[in-house]
Amino acid sequence: MENEIQWNTLSEEDRKKQLFLQQKELLDTFLGTHAITREQYNISLHNLAQKMGFESEVSQGKRKTQK
């Protein structure tokens, strides 16, 4: 598996970032299959980012897509 992450070679911050991205990808999948609403997605993404310390990245992404 070429795309498999080598967790033991990543710094703690990089591991945290990869975990965040995996969780966000799962939320994207749920939204894409209509398993959750856009409102539920936004709330869940905000909560995930807040708990993991990635709030600024999420809010920057919103600004880019809302322009």
C-alpha atoms as a PDB file:
ATOM      1  CA  MET A   1       0.000   0.000   0.000  1.00  0.00           C
ATOM      2  CA  GLU A   2       1.773   3.077  -1.253  1.00  0.00           C
ATOM      3  CA  ASN A   3      -0.630   5.536   0.382  1.00  0.00           C
ATOM      4  CA  GLU A   4      -0.349   3.943   3.800  1.00  0.00           C
ATOM      5  CA  ILE A   5       0.999   6.383   6.362  1.00  0.00           C
ATOM      6  CA  GLN A   6       4.142   5.427   8.231  1.00  0.00           C
ATOM      7  CA  TRP A   7       2.871   6.605  11.624  1.00  0.00           C
ATOM      8  CA  ASN A   8       6.081   5.789  13.470  1.00  0.00           C
ATOM      9  CA  THR A   9       8.044   8.196  11.247  1.00  0.00           C
ATOM     10  CA  LEU A  10       5.717  11.155  11.844  1.00  0.00           C
ATOM     11  CA  SER A  11       6.064  13.754  14.550  1.00  0.00           C
ATOM     12  CA  GLU A  12       3.264  14.014  17.088  1.00  0.00           C
ATOM     13  CA  GLU A  13       1.949  17.133  15.336  1.00  0.00           C
ATOM     14  CA  ASP A  14       1.977  15.388  11.941  1.00  0.00           C
ATOM     15  CA  ARG A  15       0.165  12.370  13.407  1.00  0.00           C
ATOM     16  CA  LYS A  16      -2.457  14.688  14.842  1.00  0.00           C
ATOM     17  CA  LYS A  17      -2.829  16.416  11.459  1.00  0.00           C
ATOM     18  CA  GLN A  18      -3.199  13.081   9.629  1.00  0.00           C
ATOM     19  CA  LEU A  19      -5.809  11.891  12.119  1.00  0.00           C
ATOM     20  CA  PHE A  20      -7.723  15.151  11.642  1.00  0.00           C
ATOM     21  CA  LEU A  21      -7.596  14.758   7.848  1.00  0.00           C
ATOM     22  CA  GLN A  22      -8.836  11.156   8.074  1.00  0.00           C
ATOM     23  CA  GLN A  23     -11.740  12.194  10.288  1.00  0.00           C
ATOM     24  CA  LYS A  24     -12.574  15.075   7.942  1.00  0.00           C
ATOM     25  CA  GLU A  25     -12.513  12.676   4.995  1.00  0.00           C
ATOM     26  CA  LEU A  26     -15.023  10.479   6.829  1.00  0.00           C
ATOM     27  CA  LEU A  27     -17.281  13.493   7.378  1.00  0.00           C
ATOM     28  CA  ASP A  28     -16.908  14.357   3.671  1.00  0.00           C
ATOM     29  CA  THR A  29     -18.016  10.815   2.805  1.00  0.00           C
ATOM     30  CA  PHE A  30     -21.040  11.051   5.097  1.00  0.00           C
ATOM     31  CA  LEU A  31     -22.012  14.362   3.515  1.00  0.00           C
ATOM     32  CA  GLY A  32     -21.440  13.067  -0.005  1.00  0.00           C
ATOM     33  CA  THR A  33     -23.690  10.062   0.575  1.00  0.00           C
ATOM     34  CA  HIS A  34     -26.324  12.218   2.287  1.00  0.00           C
ATOM     35  CA  ALA A  35     -25.904  10.337   5.554  1.00  0.00           C
ATOM     36  CA  ILE A  36     -25.689  13.733   7.287  1.00  0.00           C
ATOM     37  CA  THR A  37     -26.940  17.196   6.409  1.00  0.00           C
ATOM     38  CA  ARG A  38     -24.721  20.171   5.577  1.00  0.00           C
ATOM     39  CA  GLU A  39     -25.615  21.621   8.978  1.00  0.00           C
ATOM     40  CA  GLN A  40     -24.553  18.427  10.771  1.00  0.00           C
ATOM     41  CA  TYR A  41     -21.349  18.377   8.720  1.00  0.00           C
ATOM     42  CA  ASN A  42     -20.505  21.977   9.615  1.00  0.00           C
ATOM     43  CA  ILE A  43     -21.168  21.400  13.319  1.00  0.00           C
ATOM     44  CA  SER A  44     -19.174  18.164  13.388  1.00  0.00           C
ATOM     45  CA  LEU A  45     -16.266  19.662  11.471  1.00  0.00           C
ATOM     46  CA  HIS A  46     -16.196  22.700  13.752  1.00  0.00           C
ATOM     47  CA  ASN A  47     -16.246  20.494  16.867  1.00  0.00           C
ATOM     48  CA  LEU A  48     -13.537  18.211  15.476  1.00  0.00           C
ATOM     49  CA  ALA A  49     -11.310  21.149  14.548  1.00  0.00           C
ATOM     50  CA  GLN A  50     -11.860  22.816  17.906  1.00  0.00           C
ATOM     51  CA  LYS A  51     -11.026  19.672  19.887  1.00  0.00           C
ATOM     52  CA  MET A  52      -7.932  18.919  17.809  1.00  0.00           C
ATOM     53  CA  GLY A  53      -6.669  22.493  17.562  1.00  0.00           C
ATOM     54  CA  PHE A  54      -7.225  23.051  13.837  1.00  0.00           C
ATOM     55  CA  GLU A  55      -9.851  25.792  14.061  1.00  0.00           C
ATOM     56  CA  SER A  56      -7.865  28.282  11.997  1.00  0.00           C
ATOM     57  CA  GLU A  57      -7.482  25.850   9.099  1.00  0.00           C
ATOM     58  CA  VAL A  58     -11.196  25.112   9.018  1.00  0.00           C
ATOM     59  CA  SER A  59     -12.192  28.771   9.205  1.00  0.00           C
ATOM     60  CA  GLN A  60      -9.697  29.622   6.406  1.00  0.00           C
ATOM     61  CA  GLY A  61     -11.205  26.874   4.264  1.00  0.00           C
ATOM     62  CA  LYS A  62     -14.695  28.272   4.813  1.00  0.00           C
ATOM     63  CA  ARG A  63     -13.588  31.739   3.750  1.00  0.00           C
ATOM     64  CA  LYS A  64     -12.052  30.361   0.565  1.00  0.00           C
ATOM     65  CA  THR A  65     -15.190  28.449  -0.399  1.00  0.00           C
ATOM     66  CA  GLN A  66     -17.594  31.246   0.520  1.00  0.00           C
ATOM     67  CA  LYS A  67     -15.981  33.863  -1.747  1.00  0.00           C
END
